[in-house]
């Protein structure tokens, strides 16, 4: 393994080693979510969520889609180490309950509600 690949794994482990970023990745493994949904689940400020998402997007871990004023994030299946990442995330507890709670509280953004299609 060359030094460049090794550094890519080091960077990935840096993201996996941060509790907020790991939680975001675990949530996005379940489904695409917008910033406000992640903010509600993580109970941290919108700027803090956005900063973490920006860093992971710049690294290539995430893709973003804009719909009206919402930015929706998802895991990037084209990320060079996606298979490794998803294998790690699959070993961790599911975050489906957090998303279900968000939906039950009425905080889940629905593109059908805002006039578009998902």
N, C-alpha and C. Protein backbone atom coordinates (compact mmCIF):
# COMPACT_ATOMS: atom_id res chain seq x y z
N UNK A 1 0.86 -1.18 0.00
CA UNK A 1 0.00 0.00 0.00
C UNK A 1 0.90 1.23 0.00
N UNK A 2 0.61 2.14 -0.93
CA UNK A 2 1.42 3.35 -0.98
C UNK A 2 0.98 4.34 0.09
N UNK A 3 1.80 5.32 0.31
CA UNK A 3 1.57 6.30 1.37
C UNK A 3 0.27 7.07 1.17
N UNK A 4 -0.10 7.36 -0.08
CA UNK A 4 -1.33 8.10 -0.37
C UNK A 4 -2.57 7.31 0.10
N UNK A 5 -2.60 6.01 -0.20
CA UNK A 5 -3.73 5.18 0.24
C UNK A 5 -3.77 5.08 1.77
N UNK A 6 -2.62 4.97 2.37
CA UNK A 6 -2.54 4.91 3.82
C UNK A 6 -3.11 6.18 4.44
N UNK A 7 -2.76 7.34 3.88
CA UNK A 7 -3.27 8.61 4.38
C UNK A 7 -4.79 8.72 4.20
N UNK A 8 -5.32 8.14 3.13
CA UNK A 8 -6.77 8.15 2.92
C UNK A 8 -7.47 7.35 4.03
N UNK A 9 -6.89 6.23 4.41
CA UNK A 9 -7.48 5.44 5.51
C UNK A 9 -7.35 6.18 6.84
N UNK A 10 -6.24 6.85 7.04
CA UNK A 10 -6.06 7.64 8.27
C UNK A 10 -7.15 8.71 8.35
N UNK A 11 -7.40 9.38 7.23
CA UNK A 11 -8.45 10.41 7.21
C UNK A 11 -9.81 9.79 7.48
N UNK A 12 -10.11 8.66 6.87
CA UNK A 12 -11.40 7.99 7.11
C UNK A 12 -11.54 7.62 8.58
N UNK A 13 -10.51 7.08 9.19
CA UNK A 13 -10.58 6.74 10.61
C UNK A 13 -10.73 7.99 11.48
N UNK A 14 -10.20 9.12 11.02
CA UNK A 14 -10.41 10.37 11.75
C UNK A 14 -11.90 10.71 11.79
N UNK A 15 -12.59 10.51 10.68
CA UNK A 15 -14.03 10.77 10.64
C UNK A 15 -14.79 9.76 11.49
N UNK A 16 -14.38 8.51 11.44
CA UNK A 16 -15.03 7.48 12.24
C UNK A 16 -14.74 7.64 13.73
N UNK A 17 -13.63 8.31 14.07
CA UNK A 17 -13.24 8.49 15.46
C UNK A 17 -13.88 9.69 16.15
N UNK A 18 -14.62 10.49 15.42
CA UNK A 18 -15.30 11.65 15.99
C UNK A 18 -16.77 11.27 16.18
N UNK A 19 -17.30 11.42 17.40
CA UNK A 19 -18.64 10.93 17.70
C UNK A 19 -19.73 11.61 16.86
N UNK A 20 -19.62 12.90 16.61
CA UNK A 20 -20.62 13.59 15.80
C UNK A 20 -20.57 13.10 14.36
N UNK A 21 -19.38 13.05 13.80
CA UNK A 21 -19.25 12.60 12.40
C UNK A 21 -19.67 11.14 12.25
N UNK A 22 -19.30 10.32 13.21
CA UNK A 22 -19.70 8.92 13.15
C UNK A 22 -21.22 8.80 13.21
N UNK A 23 -21.85 9.56 14.08
CA UNK A 23 -23.30 9.54 14.18
C UNK A 23 -23.95 9.98 12.87
N UNK A 24 -23.41 11.02 12.25
CA UNK A 24 -23.92 11.48 10.95
C UNK A 24 -23.81 10.37 9.91
N UNK A 25 -22.65 9.74 9.85
CA UNK A 25 -22.46 8.65 8.88
C UNK A 25 -23.43 7.50 9.14
N UNK A 26 -23.63 7.16 10.41
CA UNK A 26 -24.57 6.09 10.76
C UNK A 26 -25.99 6.45 10.33
N UNK A 27 -26.38 7.70 10.53
CA UNK A 27 -27.72 8.15 10.12
C UNK A 27 -27.86 8.13 8.60
N UNK A 28 -26.84 8.60 7.90
CA UNK A 28 -26.91 8.66 6.44
C UNK A 28 -26.81 7.28 5.80
N UNK A 29 -26.32 6.32 6.55
CA UNK A 29 -26.35 4.94 6.05
C UNK A 29 -27.79 4.48 5.91
N UNK A 30 -28.66 5.00 6.79
CA UNK A 30 -30.07 4.60 6.77
C UNK A 30 -30.83 5.25 5.62
N UNK A 31 -30.61 6.58 5.43
CA UNK A 31 -31.29 7.29 4.35
C UNK A 31 -30.74 8.70 4.20
N UNK A 32 -31.09 9.30 3.08
CA UNK A 32 -30.73 10.68 2.80
C UNK A 32 -31.46 11.59 3.80
N UNK A 33 -30.73 12.55 4.36
CA UNK A 33 -31.31 13.48 5.34
C UNK A 33 -30.85 14.90 5.04
N UNK A 34 -31.67 15.86 5.46
CA UNK A 34 -31.27 17.26 5.28
C UNK A 34 -30.62 17.77 6.57
N UNK A 35 -30.01 18.93 6.45
CA UNK A 35 -29.30 19.54 7.58
C UNK A 35 -30.21 19.69 8.78
N UNK A 36 -31.44 20.19 8.56
CA UNK A 36 -32.35 20.43 9.69
C UNK A 36 -32.74 19.12 10.38
N UNK A 37 -32.84 18.03 9.62
CA UNK A 37 -33.16 16.73 10.22
C UNK A 37 -32.00 16.24 11.08
N UNK A 38 -30.79 16.37 10.56
CA UNK A 38 -29.61 15.98 11.33
C UNK A 38 -29.47 16.84 12.58
N UNK A 39 -29.75 18.12 12.45
CA UNK A 39 -29.69 19.02 13.60
C UNK A 39 -30.67 18.58 14.68
N UNK A 40 -31.89 18.23 14.27
CA UNK A 40 -32.90 17.80 15.24
C UNK A 40 -32.50 16.50 15.94
N UNK A 41 -31.94 15.57 15.19
CA UNK A 41 -31.55 14.29 15.79
C UNK A 41 -30.33 14.45 16.69
N UNK A 42 -29.35 15.18 16.23
CA UNK A 42 -28.09 15.33 16.97
C UNK A 42 -28.17 16.35 18.10
N UNK A 43 -29.18 17.19 18.06
CA UNK A 43 -29.37 18.28 19.03
C UNK A 43 -28.12 19.16 19.16
N UNK A 44 -27.57 19.53 18.01
CA UNK A 44 -26.48 20.50 17.96
C UNK A 44 -26.88 21.60 16.99
N UNK A 45 -26.15 22.68 16.98
CA UNK A 45 -26.52 23.84 16.17
C UNK A 45 -26.41 23.53 14.67
N UNK A 46 -27.16 24.28 13.90
CA UNK A 46 -27.12 24.14 12.44
C UNK A 46 -25.71 24.41 11.89
N UNK A 47 -25.02 25.47 12.36
CA UNK A 47 -23.66 25.68 11.86
C UNK A 47 -22.71 24.51 12.18
N UNK A 48 -22.88 23.90 13.34
CA UNK A 48 -22.03 22.76 13.71
C UNK A 48 -22.29 21.57 12.79
N UNK A 49 -23.57 21.31 12.51
CA UNK A 49 -23.91 20.21 11.59
C UNK A 49 -23.36 20.52 10.21
N UNK A 50 -23.59 21.73 9.73
CA UNK A 50 -23.14 22.11 8.39
C UNK A 50 -21.63 22.01 8.24
N UNK A 51 -20.90 22.38 9.29
CA UNK A 51 -19.44 22.29 9.24
C UNK A 51 -18.99 20.84 9.09
N UNK A 52 -19.58 19.95 9.87
CA UNK A 52 -19.22 18.53 9.77
C UNK A 52 -19.56 17.97 8.39
N UNK A 53 -20.74 18.32 7.88
CA UNK A 53 -21.15 17.84 6.56
C UNK A 53 -20.23 18.37 5.47
N UNK A 54 -19.86 19.63 5.56
CA UNK A 54 -18.96 20.23 4.57
C UNK A 54 -17.63 19.48 4.52
N UNK A 55 -17.07 19.20 5.69
CA UNK A 55 -15.79 18.50 5.74
C UNK A 55 -15.88 17.12 5.12
N UNK A 56 -16.96 16.40 5.43
CA UNK A 56 -17.11 15.04 4.89
C UNK A 56 -17.42 15.07 3.39
N UNK A 57 -18.13 16.10 2.94
CA UNK A 57 -18.39 16.25 1.51
C UNK A 57 -17.08 16.55 0.77
N UNK A 58 -16.26 17.44 1.32
CA UNK A 58 -14.98 17.78 0.70
C UNK A 58 -14.07 16.55 0.60
N UNK A 59 -14.19 15.66 1.56
CA UNK A 59 -13.37 14.44 1.55
C UNK A 59 -13.92 13.41 0.56
N UNK A 60 -15.14 13.62 0.10
CA UNK A 60 -15.74 12.69 -0.87
C UNK A 60 -16.65 11.65 -0.25
N UNK A 61 -16.83 11.70 1.07
CA UNK A 61 -17.68 10.72 1.75
C UNK A 61 -19.16 10.92 1.46
N UNK A 62 -19.56 12.17 1.20
CA UNK A 62 -20.98 12.50 1.05
C UNK A 62 -21.25 13.18 -0.28
N UNK A 63 -22.50 13.05 -0.72
CA UNK A 63 -23.03 13.80 -1.84
C UNK A 63 -24.15 14.67 -1.32
N UNK A 64 -24.40 15.78 -1.99
CA UNK A 64 -25.44 16.72 -1.57
C UNK A 64 -26.37 16.97 -2.73
N UNK A 65 -27.65 17.15 -2.40
CA UNK A 65 -28.68 17.47 -3.38
C UNK A 65 -29.51 18.61 -2.81
N UNK A 66 -29.73 19.65 -3.62
CA UNK A 66 -30.53 20.78 -3.19
C UNK A 66 -31.96 20.60 -3.67
N UNK A 67 -32.90 20.87 -2.76
CA UNK A 67 -34.32 20.92 -3.12
C UNK A 67 -34.91 22.12 -2.41
N UNK A 68 -35.24 23.15 -3.20
CA UNK A 68 -35.68 24.43 -2.63
C UNK A 68 -34.64 24.91 -1.64
N UNK A 69 -35.03 25.19 -0.40
CA UNK A 69 -34.06 25.70 0.57
C UNK A 69 -33.34 24.59 1.33
N UNK A 70 -33.70 23.34 1.08
CA UNK A 70 -33.11 22.22 1.82
C UNK A 70 -31.93 21.62 1.06
N UNK A 71 -30.90 21.25 1.83
CA UNK A 71 -29.77 20.49 1.30
C UNK A 71 -29.87 19.08 1.88
N UNK A 72 -29.96 18.09 1.01
CA UNK A 72 -30.07 16.69 1.43
C UNK A 72 -28.72 16.01 1.20
N UNK A 73 -28.26 15.29 2.22
CA UNK A 73 -26.98 14.60 2.16
C UNK A 73 -27.19 13.09 2.17
N UNK A 74 -26.28 12.40 1.49
CA UNK A 74 -26.29 10.93 1.48
C UNK A 74 -24.85 10.44 1.34
N UNK A 75 -24.65 9.18 1.68
CA UNK A 75 -23.32 8.60 1.50
C UNK A 75 -23.01 8.53 0.01
N UNK A 76 -21.77 8.75 -0.32
CA UNK A 76 -21.31 8.70 -1.70
C UNK A 76 -20.86 7.28 -2.02
N UNK A 77 -21.68 6.57 -2.78
CA UNK A 77 -21.36 5.19 -3.13
C UNK A 77 -20.15 5.08 -4.06
N UNK A 78 -19.73 6.21 -4.63
CA UNK A 78 -18.56 6.24 -5.51
C UNK A 78 -17.27 6.56 -4.73
N UNK A 79 -17.40 6.83 -3.44
CA UNK A 79 -16.22 7.10 -2.60
C UNK A 79 -15.28 5.91 -2.68
N UNK A 80 -14.00 6.20 -2.83
CA UNK A 80 -13.01 5.14 -3.07
C UNK A 80 -13.05 4.02 -2.04
N UNK A 81 -13.32 4.36 -0.78
CA UNK A 81 -13.33 3.36 0.28
C UNK A 81 -14.74 3.10 0.81
N UNK A 82 -15.73 3.27 -0.08
CA UNK A 82 -17.14 3.10 0.33
C UNK A 82 -17.41 1.71 0.90
N UNK A 83 -16.92 0.68 0.25
CA UNK A 83 -17.18 -0.69 0.73
C UNK A 83 -16.64 -0.89 2.14
N UNK A 84 -15.45 -0.38 2.39
CA UNK A 84 -14.87 -0.46 3.72
C UNK A 84 -15.74 0.31 4.71
N UNK A 85 -16.10 1.54 4.35
CA UNK A 85 -16.92 2.38 5.21
C UNK A 85 -18.26 1.71 5.54
N UNK A 86 -18.94 1.20 4.54
CA UNK A 86 -20.26 0.60 4.77
C UNK A 86 -20.13 -0.67 5.60
N UNK A 87 -19.06 -1.40 5.42
CA UNK A 87 -18.83 -2.60 6.25
C UNK A 87 -18.66 -2.22 7.71
N UNK A 88 -17.94 -1.14 7.98
CA UNK A 88 -17.77 -0.66 9.35
C UNK A 88 -19.12 -0.21 9.90
N UNK A 89 -19.84 0.61 9.14
CA UNK A 89 -21.13 1.13 9.61
C UNK A 89 -22.14 0.02 9.84
N UNK A 90 -22.08 -1.03 9.06
CA UNK A 90 -23.01 -2.15 9.24
C UNK A 90 -22.76 -2.92 10.53
N UNK A 91 -21.60 -2.74 11.13
CA UNK A 91 -21.29 -3.40 12.40
C UNK A 91 -21.82 -2.62 13.60
N UNK A 92 -22.27 -1.40 13.35
CA UNK A 92 -22.73 -0.51 14.42
C UNK A 92 -24.25 -0.55 14.52
N UNK A 93 -24.80 -0.13 15.67
CA UNK A 93 -26.27 -0.15 15.85
C UNK A 93 -26.97 0.71 14.79
N UNK A 94 -28.12 0.24 14.39
CA UNK A 94 -28.95 0.97 13.42
C UNK A 94 -29.45 2.28 14.03
N UNK A 95 -29.61 3.26 13.19
CA UNK A 95 -30.15 4.55 13.62
C UNK A 95 -31.60 4.73 13.13
N UNK A 96 -32.22 3.64 12.69
CA UNK A 96 -33.60 3.72 12.21
C UNK A 96 -34.54 4.29 13.26
N UNK A 97 -34.33 3.96 14.53
CA UNK A 97 -35.20 4.48 15.59
C UNK A 97 -35.13 6.00 15.67
N UNK A 98 -33.95 6.57 15.50
CA UNK A 98 -33.81 8.02 15.53
C UNK A 98 -34.59 8.67 14.39
N UNK A 99 -34.54 8.06 13.23
CA UNK A 99 -35.25 8.60 12.08
C UNK A 99 -36.75 8.41 12.26
N UNK A 100 -37.16 7.28 12.82
CA UNK A 100 -38.57 7.04 13.10
C UNK A 100 -39.10 8.08 14.10
N UNK A 101 -38.33 8.37 15.13
CA UNK A 101 -38.72 9.37 16.12
C UNK A 101 -38.84 10.74 15.47
N UNK A 102 -37.91 11.07 14.58
CA UNK A 102 -37.98 12.33 13.85
C UNK A 102 -39.26 12.41 13.03
N UNK A 103 -39.57 11.33 12.34
CA UNK A 103 -40.78 11.28 11.52
C UNK A 103 -42.02 11.42 12.39
N UNK A 104 -42.07 10.73 13.52
CA UNK A 104 -43.22 10.76 14.42
C UNK A 104 -43.41 12.15 15.03
N UNK A 105 -42.31 12.90 15.20
CA UNK A 105 -42.41 14.23 15.78
C UNK A 105 -42.83 15.29 14.75
N UNK A 106 -42.93 14.88 13.48
CA UNK A 106 -43.32 15.81 12.43
C UNK A 106 -42.18 16.66 11.90
N UNK A 107 -40.94 16.32 12.27
CA UNK A 107 -39.78 17.11 11.84
C UNK A 107 -39.09 16.56 10.60
N UNK A 108 -39.59 15.44 10.09
CA UNK A 108 -38.99 14.85 8.89
C UNK A 108 -39.47 15.63 7.67
N UNK A 109 -38.52 16.13 6.88
CA UNK A 109 -38.85 16.88 5.67
C UNK A 109 -39.37 15.90 4.63
N UNK A 110 -40.51 16.23 4.08
CA UNK A 110 -41.09 15.41 3.03
C UNK A 110 -41.18 16.25 1.76
N UNK A 111 -40.50 15.82 0.72
CA UNK A 111 -40.55 16.59 -0.52
C UNK A 111 -41.95 16.61 -1.11
N UNK A 112 -42.76 15.61 -0.78
CA UNK A 112 -44.14 15.63 -1.22
C UNK A 112 -44.87 16.80 -0.57
N UNK A 113 -44.56 17.08 0.70
CA UNK A 113 -45.18 18.21 1.40
C UNK A 113 -44.73 19.54 0.83
N UNK A 114 -43.51 19.58 0.30
CA UNK A 114 -42.99 20.87 -0.18
C UNK A 114 -43.10 20.99 -1.69
N UNK A 115 -43.84 20.07 -2.31
CA UNK A 115 -44.19 20.24 -3.70
C UNK A 115 -43.25 19.63 -4.70
N UNK A 116 -42.37 18.76 -4.29
CA UNK A 116 -41.46 18.12 -5.24
C UNK A 116 -41.52 16.63 -5.12
N UNK A 117 -40.64 15.98 -5.84
CA UNK A 117 -40.54 14.53 -5.76
C UNK A 117 -39.16 14.17 -5.29
N UNK A 118 -39.09 13.12 -4.55
CA UNK A 118 -37.84 12.65 -4.01
C UNK A 118 -37.24 11.58 -4.82
